[in-house]
C-alpha atoms as a PDB file:
ATOM      1  CA  UNK A   1      73.782  74.205 130.398  1.00  0.00           C
ATOM      2  CA  UNK A   2      74.448  77.898 129.777  1.00  0.00           C
ATOM      3  CA  UNK A   3      78.165  77.537 130.409  1.00  0.00           C
ATOM      4  CA  UNK A   4      78.236  74.546 128.048  1.00  0.00           C
ATOM      5  CA  UNK A   5      76.613  76.572 125.284  1.00  0.00           C
ATOM      6  CA  UNK A   6      79.110  79.374 125.872  1.00  0.00           C
ATOM      7  CA  UNK A   7      81.929  76.790 125.612  1.00  0.00           C
ATOM      8  CA  UNK A   8      80.380  75.423 122.380  1.00  0.00           C
ATOM      9  CA  UNK A   9      80.158  78.916 120.775  1.00  0.00           C
ATOM     10  CA  UNK A  10      83.767  79.633 121.782  1.00  0.00           C
ATOM     11  CA  UNK A  11      84.885  76.333 120.188  1.00  0.00           C
ATOM     12  CA  UNK A  12      83.153  77.140 116.927  1.00  0.00           C
ATOM     13  CA  UNK A  13      84.768  80.586 116.757  1.00  0.00           C
ATOM     14  CA  UNK A  14      88.224  79.369 117.852  1.00  0.00           C
ATOM     15  CA  UNK A  15      88.303  76.346 115.520  1.00  0.00           C
ATOM     16  CA  UNK A  16      90.370  74.118 117.807  1.00  0.00           C
ATOM     17  CA  UNK A  17      90.470  72.768 121.349  1.00  0.00           C
ATOM     18  CA  UNK A  18      93.860  74.428 122.021  1.00  0.00           C
ATOM     19  CA  UNK A  19      92.716  77.900 120.905  1.00  0.00           C
ATOM     20  CA  UNK A  20      89.443  77.610 122.835  1.00  0.00           C
ATOM     21  CA  UNK A  21      91.371  76.517 125.924  1.00  0.00           C
ATOM     22  CA  UNK A  22      93.530  79.649 125.766  1.00  0.00           C
ATOM     23  CA  UNK A  23      90.453  81.872 125.408  1.00  0.00           C
ATOM     24  CA  UNK A  24      88.619  80.129 128.275  1.00  0.00           C
ATOM     25  CA  UNK A  25      91.762  79.816 130.373  1.00  0.00           C
ATOM     26  CA  UNK A  26      91.496  76.075 130.821  1.00  0.00           C
ATOM     27  CA  UNK A  27      93.414  73.029 129.558  1.00  0.00           C
ATOM     28  CA  UNK A  28      92.422  71.637 126.168  1.00  0.00           C
ATOM     29  CA  UNK A  29      91.766  68.292 127.872  1.00  0.00           C
ATOM     30  CA  UNK A  30      89.175  69.951 130.102  1.00  0.00           C
ATOM     31  CA  UNK A  31      87.540  71.625 127.106  1.00  0.00           C
ATOM     32  CA  UNK A  32      87.396  68.259 125.323  1.00  0.00           C
ATOM     33  CA  UNK A  33      85.924  66.501 128.348  1.00  0.00           C
ATOM     34  CA  UNK A  34      83.239  69.147 128.811  1.00  0.00           C
ATOM     35  CA  UNK A  35      82.395  69.053 125.094  1.00  0.00           C
ATOM     36  CA  UNK A  36      81.980  65.276 125.172  1.00  0.00           C
ATOM     37  CA  UNK A  37      79.730  65.518 128.220  1.00  0.00           C
ATOM     38  CA  UNK A  38      77.641  68.209 126.533  1.00  0.00           C
ATOM     39  CA  UNK A  39      77.248  66.147 123.340  1.00  0.00           C
ATOM     40  CA  UNK A  40      76.223  63.145 125.402  1.00  0.00           C
ATOM     41  CA  UNK A  41      73.690  65.202 127.324  1.00  0.00           C
ATOM     42  CA  UNK A  42      71.961  66.528 124.181  1.00  0.00           C
ATOM     43  CA  UNK A  43      72.405  63.295 122.189  1.00  0.00           C
ATOM     44  CA  UNK A  44      74.152  64.847 119.182  1.00  0.00           C
ATOM     45  CA  UNK A  45      77.659  65.050 117.749  1.00  0.00           C
ATOM     46  CA  UNK A  46      78.502  68.715 117.218  1.00  0.00           C
ATOM     47  CA  UNK A  47      81.992  68.557 115.667  1.00  0.00           C
ATOM     48  CA  UNK A  48      84.080  66.572 113.230  1.00  0.00           C
ATOM     49  CA  UNK A  49      87.414  66.312 115.019  1.00  0.00           C
ATOM     50  CA  UNK A  50      90.957  66.155 113.712  1.00  0.00           C
ATOM     51  CA  UNK A  51      94.277  66.429 115.556  1.00  0.00           C
ATOM     52  CA  UNK A  52      94.515  70.174 114.976  1.00  0.00           C
ATOM     53  CA  UNK A  53      91.058  71.503 114.189  1.00  0.00           C
ATOM     54  CA  UNK A  54      87.298  71.203 114.672  1.00  0.00           C
ATOM     55  CA  UNK A  55      84.571  71.499 112.060  1.00  0.00           C
ATOM     56  CA  UNK A  56      80.849  71.702 112.819  1.00  0.00           C
ATOM     57  CA  UNK A  57      78.551  68.843 111.897  1.00  0.00           C
ATOM     58  CA  UNK A  58      75.086  69.688 110.540  1.00  0.00           C
ATOM     59  CA  UNK A  59      73.748  69.563 114.101  1.00  0.00           C
ATOM     60  CA  UNK A  60      76.592  71.804 115.253  1.00  0.00           C
ATOM     61  CA  UNK A  61      75.915  74.351 112.518  1.00  0.00           C
ATOM     62  CA  UNK A  62      72.224  74.445 113.381  1.00  0.00           C
ATOM     63  CA  UNK A  63      72.878  74.894 117.105  1.00  0.00           C
ATOM     64  CA  UNK A  64      75.479  77.615 116.482  1.00  0.00           C
ATOM     65  CA  UNK A  65      73.125  79.538 114.179  1.00  0.00           C
ATOM     66  CA  UNK A  66      70.400  79.473 116.819  1.00  0.00           C
ATOM     67  CA  UNK A  67      72.399  80.298 119.942  1.00  0.00           C
ATOM     68  CA  UNK A  68      75.368  82.462 118.880  1.00  0.00           C
ATOM     69  CA  UNK A  69      73.512  85.802 119.040  1.00  0.00           C
ATOM     70  CA  UNK A  70      71.727  84.823 122.260  1.00  0.00           C
ATOM     71  CA  UNK A  71      74.998  84.074 123.998  1.00  0.00           C
ATOM     72  CA  UNK A  72      76.495  87.419 122.955  1.00  0.00           C
ATOM     73  CA  UNK A  73      73.354  89.298 123.977  1.00  0.00           C
ATOM     74  CA  UNK A  74      73.209  87.585 127.351  1.00  0.00           C
ATOM     75  CA  UNK A  75      76.890  88.394 128.056  1.00  0.00           C
ATOM     76  CA  UNK A  76      76.295  92.000 127.079  1.00  0.00           C
ATOM     77  CA  UNK A  77      73.165  92.200 129.287  1.00  0.00           C
ATOM     78  CA  UNK A  78      74.974  90.746 132.299  1.00  0.00           C
ATOM     79  CA  UNK A  79      77.881  93.117 131.742  1.00  0.00           C
ATOM     80  CA  UNK A  80      75.502  96.084 131.534  1.00  0.00           C
ATOM     81  CA  UNK A  81      73.763  95.109 134.785  1.00  0.00           C
ATOM     82  CA  UNK A  82      77.098  94.749 136.579  1.00  0.00           C
ATOM     83  CA  UNK A  83      78.394  98.046 135.227  1.00  0.00           C
ATOM     84  CA  UNK A  84      75.249  99.933 136.296  1.00  0.00           C
ATOM     85  CA  UNK A  85      75.798  98.687 139.814  1.00  0.00           C
ATOM     86  CA  UNK A  86      79.553  99.191 140.141  1.00  0.00           C
ATOM     87  CA  UNK A  87      80.503 101.377 137.181  1.00  0.00           C
ATOM     88  CA  UNK A  88      82.764 100.447 134.264  1.00  0.00           C
ATOM     89  CA  UNK A  89      85.430  98.111 135.652  1.00  0.00           C
ATOM     90  CA  UNK A  90      87.569  95.841 133.505  1.00  0.00           C
ATOM     91  CA  UNK A  91      90.483  95.516 131.100  1.00  0.00           C
ATOM     92  CA  UNK A  92      90.548  96.384 127.414  1.00  0.00           C
ATOM     93  CA  UNK A  93      93.317  94.973 125.178  1.00  0.00           C
ATOM     94  CA  UNK A  94      94.293  97.208 122.283  1.00  0.00           C
ATOM     95  CA  UNK A  95      96.873  96.417 119.607  1.00  0.00           C
ATOM     96  CA  UNK A  96      98.531  99.365 117.864  1.00  0.00           C
ATOM     97  CA  UNK A  97     101.211  99.535 115.104  1.00  0.00           C
ATOM     98  CA  UNK A  98     104.847 100.204 115.922  1.00  0.00           C
ATOM     99  CA  UNK A  99     104.565 103.761 114.604  1.00  0.00           C
ATOM    100  CA  UNK A 100     101.559 104.574 116.819  1.00  0.00           C
ATOM    101  CA  UNK A 101     103.468 106.707 119.306  1.00  0.00           C
ATOM    102  CA  UNK A 102     105.274 108.569 116.505  1.00  0.00           C
ATOM    103  CA  UNK A 103     102.132 109.834 114.757  1.00  0.00           C
ATOM    104  CA  UNK A 104      99.858 110.272 117.757  1.00  0.00           C
ATOM    105  CA  UNK A 105      99.756 113.150 120.202  1.00  0.00           C
ATOM    106  CA  UNK A 106     101.206 112.606 123.644  1.00  0.00           C
ATOM    107  CA  UNK A 107      97.667 112.845 125.004  1.00  0.00           C
ATOM    108  CA  UNK A 108      96.390 109.817 123.057  1.00  0.00           C
ATOM    109  CA  UNK A 109      96.869 107.268 125.831  1.00  0.00           C
ATOM    110  CA  UNK A 110      95.442 109.690 128.402  1.00  0.00           C
ATOM    111  CA  UNK A 111      92.358 110.084 126.211  1.00  0.00           C
ATOM    112  CA  UNK A 112      91.798 106.328 126.346  1.00  0.00           C
ATOM    113  CA  UNK A 113      92.340 106.133 130.094  1.00  0.00           C
ATOM    114  CA  UNK A 114      89.990 109.040 130.680  1.00  0.00           C
ATOM    115  CA  UNK A 115      87.097 106.906 129.349  1.00  0.00           C
ATOM    116  CA  UNK A 116      86.499 105.645 132.894  1.00  0.00           C
ATOM    117  CA  UNK A 117      88.664 105.402 136.022  1.00  0.00           C
ATOM    118  CA  UNK A 118      87.722 101.742 136.374  1.00  0.00           C
ATOM    119  CA  UNK A 119      88.992 100.686 132.940  1.00  0.00           C
ATOM    120  CA  UNK A 120      92.499  99.304 132.610  1.00  0.00           C
ATOM    121  CA  UNK A 121      94.100  99.599 129.166  1.00  0.00           C
ATOM    122  CA  UNK A 122      96.588  96.975 127.964  1.00  0.00           C
ATOM    123  CA  UNK A 123      98.413  98.199 124.835  1.00  0.00           C
ATOM    124  CA  UNK A 124     100.169  95.666 122.612  1.00  0.00           C
ATOM    125  CA  UNK A 125     102.512  96.937 119.895  1.00  0.00           C
ATOM    126  CA  UNK A 126     102.819  94.905 116.698  1.00  0.00           C
ATOM    127  CA  UNK A 127     102.677  95.401 112.915  1.00  0.00           C
ATOM    128  CA  UNK A 128     101.433  91.820 112.370  1.00  0.00           C
ATOM    129  CA  UNK A 129      97.756  91.103 111.726  1.00  0.00           C
ATOM    130  CA  UNK A 130      96.505  89.281 114.850  1.00  0.00           C
ATOM    131  CA  UNK A 131      93.903  86.624 115.474  1.00  0.00           C
ATOM    132  CA  UNK A 132      91.556  88.769 117.547  1.00  0.00           C
ATOM    133  CA  UNK A 133      89.824  85.797 119.167  1.00  0.00           C
ATOM    134  CA  UNK A 134      92.903  83.745 119.956  1.00  0.00           C
ATOM    135  CA  UNK A 135      94.919  86.700 121.239  1.00  0.00           C
ATOM    136  CA  UNK A 136      91.994  88.227 123.118  1.00  0.00           C
ATOM    137  CA  UNK A 137      92.323  91.608 121.428  1.00  0.00           C
ATOM    138  CA  UNK A 138      89.304  93.856 121.883  1.00  0.00           C
ATOM    139  CA  UNK A 139      90.289  96.707 119.593  1.00  0.00           C
ATOM    140  CA  UNK A 140      92.879  96.802 116.801  1.00  0.00           C
ATOM    141  CA  UNK A 141      94.227 100.111 115.465  1.00  0.00           C
ATOM    142  CA  UNK A 142      96.081  99.553 112.190  1.00  0.00           C
ATOM    143  CA  UNK A 143      97.338 101.242 109.044  1.00  0.00           C
ATOM    144  CA  UNK A 144      95.833  99.958 105.803  1.00  0.00           C
ATOM    145  CA  UNK A 145      93.208  97.279 105.253  1.00  0.00           C
ATOM    146  CA  UNK A 146      93.334  93.818 106.826  1.00  0.00           C
ATOM    147  CA  UNK A 147      93.288  90.473 105.046  1.00  0.00           C
ATOM    148  CA  UNK A 148      90.564  89.204 107.383  1.00  0.00           C
ATOM    149  CA  UNK A 149      87.295  90.722 106.238  1.00  0.00           C
ATOM    150  CA  UNK A 150      85.099  89.036 108.862  1.00  0.00           C
ATOM    151  CA  UNK A 151      85.443  91.892 111.359  1.00  0.00           C
ATOM    152  CA  UNK A 152      83.932  95.360 111.769  1.00  0.00           C
ATOM    153  CA  UNK A 153      86.349  98.031 110.549  1.00  0.00           C
ATOM    154  CA  UNK A 154      85.905 101.802 110.831  1.00  0.00           C
ATOM    155  CA  UNK A 155      88.161 104.441 109.323  1.00  0.00           C
ATOM    156  CA  UNK A 156      89.641 106.898 111.839  1.00  0.00           C
ATOM    157  CA  UNK A 157      91.335 109.235 109.371  1.00  0.00           C
ATOM    158  CA  UNK A 158      93.131 109.433 106.045  1.00  0.00           C
ATOM    159  CA  UNK A 159      96.861 110.115 105.810  1.00  0.00           C
ATOM    160  CA  UNK A 160      99.066 112.065 103.436  1.00  0.00           C
ATOM    161  CA  UNK A 161     102.430 111.023 101.985  1.00  0.00           C
ATOM    162  CA  UNK A 162     105.148 113.480 101.110  1.00  0.00           C
ATOM    163  CA  UNK A 163     108.890 113.485 100.361  1.00  0.00           C
ATOM    164  CA  UNK A 164     111.406 114.041 103.175  1.00  0.00           C
ATOM    165  CA  UNK A 165     115.187 113.803 103.521  1.00  0.00           C
ATOM    166  CA  UNK A 166     117.792 114.388 106.216  1.00  0.00           C
ATOM    167  CA  UNK A 167     120.047 117.468 106.051  1.00  0.00           C
ATOM    168  CA  UNK A 168     123.037 115.110 105.746  1.00  0.00           C
ATOM    169  CA  UNK A 169     121.580 113.483 102.637  1.00  0.00           C
ATOM    170  CA  UNK A 170     120.707 116.790 100.997  1.00  0.00           C
ATOM    171  CA  UNK A 171     124.184 118.187 101.660  1.00  0.00           C
ATOM    172  CA  UNK A 172     125.894 115.269  99.905  1.00  0.00           C
ATOM    173  CA  UNK A 173     123.526 114.799  96.955  1.00  0.00           C
ATOM    174  CA  UNK A 174     122.360 116.928  93.987  1.00  0.00           C
ATOM    175  CA  UNK A 175     119.880 119.699  94.795  1.00  0.00           C
ATOM    176  CA  UNK A 176     116.200 118.886  94.096  1.00  0.00           C
ATOM    177  CA  UNK A 177     113.833 121.595  92.930  1.00  0.00           C
ATOM    178  CA  UNK A 178     112.051 119.787  90.077  1.00  0.00           C
ATOM    179  CA  UNK A 179     110.256 116.395  90.152  1.00  0.00           C
ATOM    180  CA  UNK A 180     112.280 114.977  87.250  1.00  0.00           C
ATOM    181  CA  UNK A 181     115.462 115.353  89.314  1.00  0.00           C
ATOM    182  CA  UNK A 182     114.204 112.664  91.690  1.00  0.00           C
ATOM    183  CA  UNK A 183     115.428 110.051  89.177  1.00  0.00           C
ATOM    184  CA  UNK A 184     118.951 110.948  90.371  1.00  0.00           C
ATOM    185  CA  UNK A 185     118.068 109.976  93.950  1.00  0.00           C
ATOM    186  CA  UNK A 186     117.158 106.959  96.041  1.00  0.00           C
ATOM    187  CA  UNK A 187     113.456 107.311  96.794  1.00  0.00           C
ATOM    188  CA  UNK A 188     112.510 105.062  99.707  1.00  0.00           C
ATOM    189  CA  UNK A 189     108.955 103.721  99.739  1.00  0.00           C
ATOM    190  CA  UNK A 190     106.644 101.000 101.008  1.00  0.00           C
ATOM    191  CA  UNK A 191     105.479  99.284  97.822  1.00  0.00           C
ATOM    192  CA  UNK A 192     106.977  97.270  94.999  1.00  0.00           C
ATOM    193  CA  UNK A 193     105.814  99.431  92.115  1.00  0.00           C
ATOM    194  CA  UNK A 194     108.293 101.026  89.689  1.00  0.00           C
ATOM    195  CA  UNK A 195     106.752 104.455  90.103  1.00  0.00           C
ATOM    196  CA  UNK A 196     104.186 106.374  92.139  1.00  0.00           C
ATOM    197  CA  UNK A 197     101.906 109.292  91.359  1.00  0.00           C
ATOM    198  CA  UNK A 198     102.189 112.475  93.404  1.00  0.00           C
ATOM    199  CA  UNK A 199     100.020 115.577  92.968  1.00  0.00           C
ATOM    200  CA  UNK A 200     100.850 119.268  93.053  1.00  0.00           C
ATOM    201  CA  UNK A 201      98.650 121.903  94.649  1.00  0.00           C
ATOM    202  CA  UNK A 202      96.550 122.195  91.491  1.00  0.00           C
ATOM    203  CA  UNK A 203      95.881 118.441  91.436  1.00  0.00           C
ATOM    204  CA  UNK A 204      98.171 117.851  88.467  1.00  0.00           C
ATOM    205  CA  UNK A 205      99.693 114.341  88.661  1.00  0.00           C
ATOM    206  CA  UNK A 206     103.470 113.950  88.685  1.00  0.00           C
ATOM    207  CA  UNK A 207     104.975 110.522  88.092  1.00  0.00           C
ATOM    208  CA  UNK A 208     107.974 109.716  90.266  1.00  0.00           C
ATOM    209  CA  UNK A 209     110.318 106.861  89.386  1.00  0.00           C
ATOM    210  CA  UNK A 210     111.020 104.668  92.401  1.00  0.00           C
ATOM    211  CA  UNK A 211     114.168 102.693  93.179  1.00  0.00           C
ATOM    212  CA  UNK A 212     114.158  99.253  94.785  1.00  0.00           C
ATOM    213  CA  UNK A 213     117.188  99.527  97.009  1.00  0.00           C
ATOM    214  CA  UNK A 214     114.946  99.448 100.092  1.00  0.00           C
ATOM    215  CA  UNK A 215     111.307  98.317 100.092  1.00  0.00           C
ATOM    216  CA  UNK A 216     109.433  97.742 103.339  1.00  0.00           C
ATOM    217  CA  UNK A 217     105.893  97.745 104.643  1.00  0.00           C
ATOM    218  CA  UNK A 218     107.095  99.286 107.931  1.00  0.00           C
ATOM    219  CA  UNK A 219     106.748 103.076 108.220  1.00  0.00           C
ATOM    220  CA  UNK A 220     109.207 103.031 111.088  1.00  0.00           C
ATOM    221  CA  UNK A 221     111.881 101.325 108.961  1.00  0.00           C
ATOM    222  CA  UNK A 222     111.351 103.935 106.208  1.00  0.00           C
ATOM    223  CA  UNK A 223     111.568 106.741 108.785  1.00  0.00           C
ATOM    224  CA  UNK A 224     114.819 105.430 110.282  1.00  0.00           C
ATOM    225  CA  UNK A 225     116.340 104.903 106.853  1.00  0.00           C
ATOM    226  CA  UNK A 226     115.404 108.447 105.854  1.00  0.00           C
ATOM    227  CA  UNK A 227     116.757 109.896 109.075  1.00  0.00           C
ATOM    228  CA  UNK A 228     120.056 108.065 108.581  1.00  0.00           C
ATOM    229  CA  UNK A 229     120.530 109.596 105.109  1.00  0.00           C
ATOM    230  CA  UNK A 230     119.998 106.528 102.905  1.00  0.00           C
ATOM    231  CA  UNK A 231     117.667 108.399 100.593  1.00  0.00           C
ATOM    232  CA  UNK A 232     114.584 110.551 100.157  1.00  0.00           C
ATOM    233  CA  UNK A 233     111.665 108.944 101.978  1.00  0.00           C
ATOM    234  CA  UNK A 234     108.064 108.893 100.845  1.00  0.00           C
ATOM    235  CA  UNK A 235     106.630 109.114 104.359  1.00  0.00           C
ATOM    236  CA  UNK A 236     103.338 109.851 106.103  1.00  0.00           C
ATOM    237  CA  UNK A 237     103.365 113.552 106.877  1.00  0.00           C
ATOM    238  CA  UNK A 238     102.184 113.023 110.440  1.00  0.00           C
ATOM    239  CA  UNK A 239     105.001 110.533 111.050  1.00  0.00           C
ATOM    240  CA  UNK A 240     107.642 112.946 109.791  1.00  0.00           C
ATOM    241  CA  UNK A 241     106.197 116.100 111.343  1.00  0.00           C
ATOM    242  CA  UNK A 242     108.023 116.125 114.671  1.00  0.00           C
ATOM    243  CA  UNK A 243     111.320 115.399 112.904  1.00  0.00           C
ATOM    244  CA  UNK A 244     110.748 118.364 110.595  1.00  0.00           C
ATOM    245  CA  UNK A 245     110.094 120.524 113.654  1.00  0.00           C
ATOM    246  CA  UNK A 246     113.385 119.501 115.328  1.00  0.00           C
ATOM    247  CA  UNK A 247     115.373 119.890 112.082  1.00  0.00           C
ATOM    248  CA  UNK A 248     116.273 116.226 111.548  1.00  0.00           C
ATOM    249  CA  UNK A 249     114.177 116.049 108.352  1.00  0.00           C
ATOM    250  CA  UNK A 250     113.458 118.545 105.584  1.00  0.00           C
ATOM    251  CA  UNK A 251     110.465 118.379 103.266  1.00  0.00           C
ATOM    252  CA  UNK A 252     111.517 117.908  99.642  1.00  0.00           C
ATOM    253  CA  UNK A 253     109.373 119.396  96.854  1.00  0.00           C
ATOM    254  CA  UNK A 254     106.784 120.454  99.442  1.00  0.00           C
ATOM    255  CA  UNK A 255     104.077 121.098  96.847  1.00  0.00           C
ATOM    256  CA  UNK A 256     103.928 117.380  95.991  1.00  0.00           C
ATOM    257  CA  UNK A 257     101.821 114.971  98.067  1.00  0.00           C
ATOM    258  CA  UNK A 258      99.688 111.889  97.636  1.00  0.00           C
ATOM    259  CA  UNK A 259      97.188 109.940  99.705  1.00  0.00           C
ATOM    260  CA  UNK A 260      98.638 107.351 102.040  1.00  0.00           C
ATOM    261  CA  UNK A 261      97.060 104.350 103.704  1.00  0.00           C
ATOM    262  CA  UNK A 262      94.148 105.241 106.034  1.00  0.00           C
ATOM    263  CA  UNK A 263      94.224 104.454 109.767  1.00  0.00           C
ATOM    264  CA  UNK A 264      91.430 102.116 110.936  1.00  0.00           C
ATOM    265  CA  UNK A 265      90.048 100.632 114.140  1.00  0.00           C
ATOM    266  CA  UNK A 266      88.757  97.030 113.970  1.00  0.00           C
ATOM    267  CA  UNK A 267      86.843  94.722 116.306  1.00  0.00           C
ATOM    268  CA  UNK A 268      85.040  91.390 115.963  1.00  0.00           C
ATOM    269  CA  UNK A 269      81.457  92.689 116.137  1.00  0.00           C
ATOM    270  CA  UNK A 270      79.399  94.986 118.334  1.00  0.00           C
ATOM    271  CA  UNK A 271      77.865  92.065 120.255  1.00  0.00           C
ATOM    272  CA  UNK A 272      81.245  90.664 121.254  1.00  0.00           C
ATOM    273  CA  UNK A 273      82.432  93.933 122.794  1.00  0.00           C
ATOM    274  CA  UNK A 274      82.389  94.226 126.542  1.00  0.00           C
ATOM    275  CA  UNK A 275      80.900  97.388 128.016  1.00  0.00           C
ATOM    276  CA  UNK A 276      84.425  98.618 128.731  1.00  0.00           C
ATOM    277  CA  UNK A 277      85.647  97.924 125.194  1.00  0.00           C
ATOM    278  CA  UNK A 278      82.552  99.632 123.768  1.00  0.00           C
ATOM    279  CA  UNK A 279      83.196 102.690 125.919  1.00  0.00           C
ATOM    280  CA  UNK A 280      86.834 102.901 124.775  1.00  0.00           C
ATOM    281  CA  UNK A 281      85.739 102.447 121.146  1.00  0.00           C
ATOM    282  CA  UNK A 282      83.262 105.303 121.456  1.00  0.00           C
ATOM    283  CA  UNK A 283      85.917 107.478 123.068  1.00  0.00           C
ATOM    284  CA  UNK A 284      88.311 106.750 120.200  1.00  0.00           C
ATOM    285  CA  UNK A 285      85.778 107.416 117.447  1.00  0.00           C
ATOM    286  CA  UNK A 286      84.563 110.641 119.015  1.00  0.00           C
ATOM    287  CA  UNK A 287      88.111 111.937 119.703  1.00  0.00           C
ATOM    288  CA  UNK A 288      89.975 111.045 116.522  1.00  0.00           C
ATOM    289  CA  UNK A 289      91.749 114.396 116.639  1.00  0.00           C
ATOM    290  CA  UNK A 290      93.598 113.082 119.737  1.00  0.00           C
ATOM    291  CA  UNK A 291      95.229 110.324 117.700  1.00  0.00           C
ATOM    292  CA  UNK A 292      97.103 112.342 115.071  1.00  0.00           C
ATOM    293  CA  UNK A 293      99.676 115.042 115.402  1.00  0.00           C
ATOM    294  CA  UNK A 294      98.649 118.606 114.782  1.00  0.00           C
ATOM    295  CA  UNK A 295      98.972 120.206 111.341  1.00  0.00           C
ATOM    296  CA  UNK A 296      99.467 116.766 109.755  1.00  0.00           C
ATOM    297  CA  UNK A 297      96.790 117.158 107.056  1.00  0.00           C
ATOM    298  CA  UNK A 298      94.634 114.343 108.448  1.00  0.00           C
ATOM    299  CA  UNK A 299      90.968 114.145 107.546  1.00  0.00           C
ATOM    300  CA  UNK A 300      89.062 112.884 110.598  1.00  0.00           C
ATOM    301  CA  UNK A 301      86.254 110.457 109.958  1.00  0.00           C
ATOM    302  CA  UNK A 302      85.237 109.149 113.373  1.00  0.00           C
ATOM    303  CA  UNK A 303      81.581 108.152 113.772  1.00  0.00           C
ATOM    304  CA  UNK A 304      80.041 105.756 116.201  1.00  0.00           C
ATOM    305  CA  UNK A 305      76.331 106.184 115.557  1.00  0.00           C
ATOM    306  CA  UNK A 306      76.052 102.777 113.869  1.00  0.00           C
ATOM    307  CA  UNK A 307      77.789 100.677 116.524  1.00  0.00           C
END
């Protein structure tokens, strides 16, 4: 009966037989057969079925409301008992953005692995917003807010945007020493607005006219375009830092900056986390300084007291 309830809760959260089958690692036909047997055993229809999705009946909604927390708590309790006996052993799947290894220190992955010798870390790289349940992702590190608001999201740190250009670009274009001269240049950016607001050291706003020759949500595309001399890039300082250090980028109007998109870590909810995933989450939140390059003007905000 317990395994049937677990299957039922998974079906509600997945929304379809196919998705639940992937999560449970069994054919959709097996999931359907077990569901039918469970419904027959309890004498109630739990789902309205269509070819592609499932929707709870009134009985299904009542059962889910009663047992969802109990199933999560039981899984967590069993995991805790096992881990106390044999230590933290298991795999944690983490998705990170494509620019992750550009703006993190080289020790970031080691910091995660040092959580426990028994934990295996699987890192997936993507800039697309995933389905955490369907894709089995425990922790999602991302830049900017997500469309899906049904998860727990914690801010790791804020970022800063500044203007950068390659030496090749600066050699072949008019010199820039005043903000108004930016109108003579291609300013590469990640939004569709006609202008942006930068601030000088005194907090005085400076409006910068933006061109629409290249617009992208990808920080890596902006970085590569800036490095190749297409224009002046409005880039995260921590992303550009190592390129400034090796001379491939130069900071333009260094007194002007603005706040960029924060970096977050997201998970379904605290009850759904395995002991291993919880341990890695706590490591990340308590070591946020390990996930941003030095001298990159990040404001660290990690806190895991309310997990």
